[in-house]
Amino acid sequence: MSEINKEKLMTDIKTVLSDAEELLKQAASTTGERATELREKAVSRLKQAKEKAADVQVVVVEKGKKAVRATDDYVHEHPWQAIGIAAGVGVLVGLLINRR
């Protein structure tokens, strides 16, 4: 999923949630059938947001799995380089912690 698509999806989710929030506020100050109608619209909007969030979750999980596979392959192909990188990162973290 491209960066533009991710941004659009997140914008869509925020818009749907904002719409649902506004509908719920209107329903709180309204009574009768109109209140019921507004609440039903809000619930519908929240379901849409949930579905869009699930789509984002699927994409994130897939990308995470690809990153894990790539890292695992790299470590198996270049074990000494991986050990050196890990040691370097450990030294840097240790230095940063000791500076405090």
Protein backbone atom coordinates (compact mmCIF):
# COMPACT_ATOMS: atom_id res chain seq x y z
CA MET A 1 0.00 0.00 0.00
CA SER A 2 1.49 3.31 -1.01
CA GLU A 3 2.04 6.20 1.36
CA ILE A 4 -0.67 8.23 -0.38
CA ASN A 5 -3.19 5.40 0.06
CA LYS A 6 -2.30 5.07 3.74
CA GLU A 7 -2.77 8.78 4.30
CA LYS A 8 -6.10 8.73 2.46
CA LEU A 9 -7.28 5.75 4.47
CA MET A 10 -6.32 7.41 7.76
CA THR A 11 -8.04 10.63 6.66
CA ASP A 12 -11.15 8.63 5.77
CA ILE A 13 -11.17 6.96 9.18
CA LYS A 14 -10.81 10.30 10.95
CA THR A 15 -13.63 11.78 8.86
CA VAL A 16 -15.95 8.85 9.57
CA LEU A 17 -15.21 9.04 13.30
CA SER A 18 -15.77 12.79 13.31
CA ASP A 19 -19.10 12.34 11.51
CA ALA A 20 -20.16 9.67 13.98
CA GLU A 21 -19.20 11.88 16.92
CA GLU A 22 -21.24 14.77 15.50
CA LEU A 23 -24.25 12.50 14.93
CA LEU A 24 -24.05 11.22 18.50
CA LYS A 25 -23.90 14.79 19.84
CA GLN A 26 -26.99 15.69 17.80
CA ALA A 27 -28.78 12.55 18.99
CA ALA A 28 -28.04 13.46 22.60
CA SER A 29 -29.85 16.77 22.23
CA THR A 30 -32.73 15.35 20.18
CA THR A 31 -35.59 13.09 21.21
CA GLY A 32 -37.93 10.67 19.51
CA GLU A 33 -37.51 9.17 16.08
CA ARG A 34 -34.92 11.72 15.00
CA ALA A 35 -32.65 10.73 17.90
CA THR A 36 -33.00 7.05 17.02
CA GLU A 37 -32.22 7.81 13.38
CA LEU A 38 -29.12 9.82 14.33
CA ARG A 39 -27.88 7.08 16.64
CA GLU A 40 -28.34 4.47 13.90
CA LYS A 41 -26.37 6.63 11.46
CA ALA A 42 -23.63 7.06 14.05
CA VAL A 43 -23.44 3.31 14.63
CA SER A 44 -23.25 2.79 10.87
CA ARG A 45 -20.39 5.29 10.61
CA LEU A 46 -18.55 3.61 13.47
CA LYS A 47 -18.88 0.24 11.70
CA GLN A 48 -17.38 1.82 8.57
CA ALA A 49 -14.46 3.14 10.60
CA LYS A 50 -13.96 -0.27 12.17
CA GLU A 51 -13.86 -1.92 8.74
CA LYS A 52 -11.35 0.62 7.44
CA ALA A 53 -9.20 0.15 10.54
CA ALA A 54 -9.29 -3.62 9.96
CA ASP A 55 -8.04 -3.02 6.41
CA VAL A 56 -5.15 -0.96 7.77
CA GLN A 57 -4.37 -3.69 10.29
CA VAL A 58 -4.15 -6.32 7.55
CA VAL A 59 -1.71 -4.18 5.57
CA VAL A 60 0.44 -3.44 8.64
CA VAL A 61 0.58 -7.11 9.63
CA GLU A 62 1.59 -8.14 6.10
CA LYS A 63 4.35 -5.52 5.98
CA GLY A 64 5.52 -6.60 9.42
CA LYS A 65 5.72 -10.23 8.32
CA LYS A 66 7.71 -9.25 5.23
CA ALA A 67 10.14 -7.24 7.36
CA VAL A 68 10.58 -10.15 9.77
CA ARG A 69 11.22 -12.57 6.89
CA ALA A 70 13.75 -10.19 5.31
CA THR A 71 15.55 -9.72 8.62
CA ASP A 72 15.59 -13.46 9.29
CA ASP A 73 16.97 -14.16 5.82
CA TYR A 74 19.66 -11.51 6.23
CA VAL A 75 20.75 -12.84 9.62
CA HIS A 76 20.97 -16.39 8.27
CA GLU A 77 22.95 -15.26 5.22
CA HIS A 78 25.26 -12.86 7.12
CA PRO A 79 25.48 -14.02 10.74
CA TRP A 80 28.74 -12.25 11.61
CA GLN A 81 27.59 -8.95 10.16
CA ALA A 82 24.36 -9.26 12.15
CA ILE A 83 26.34 -9.92 15.34
CA GLY A 84 28.55 -6.90 14.62
CA ILE A 85 25.53 -4.65 14.02
CA ALA A 86 23.85 -5.88 17.20
CA ALA A 87 27.04 -5.29 19.19
CA GLY A 88 27.38 -1.77 17.75
CA VAL A 89 23.80 -0.91 18.61
CA GLY A 90 24.33 -2.33 22.11
CA VAL A 91 27.41 -0.16 22.62
CA LEU A 92 25.56 2.95 21.43
CA VAL A 93 22.62 2.25 23.73
CA GLY A 94 25.01 1.64 26.61
CA LEU A 95 26.78 4.95 25.96
CA LEU A 96 23.50 6.82 25.79
CA ILE A 97 22.30 5.28 29.04
CA ASN A 98 25.59 6.12 30.83
CA ARG A 99 25.40 9.77 29.73
CA ARG A 100 22.44 10.33 32.03
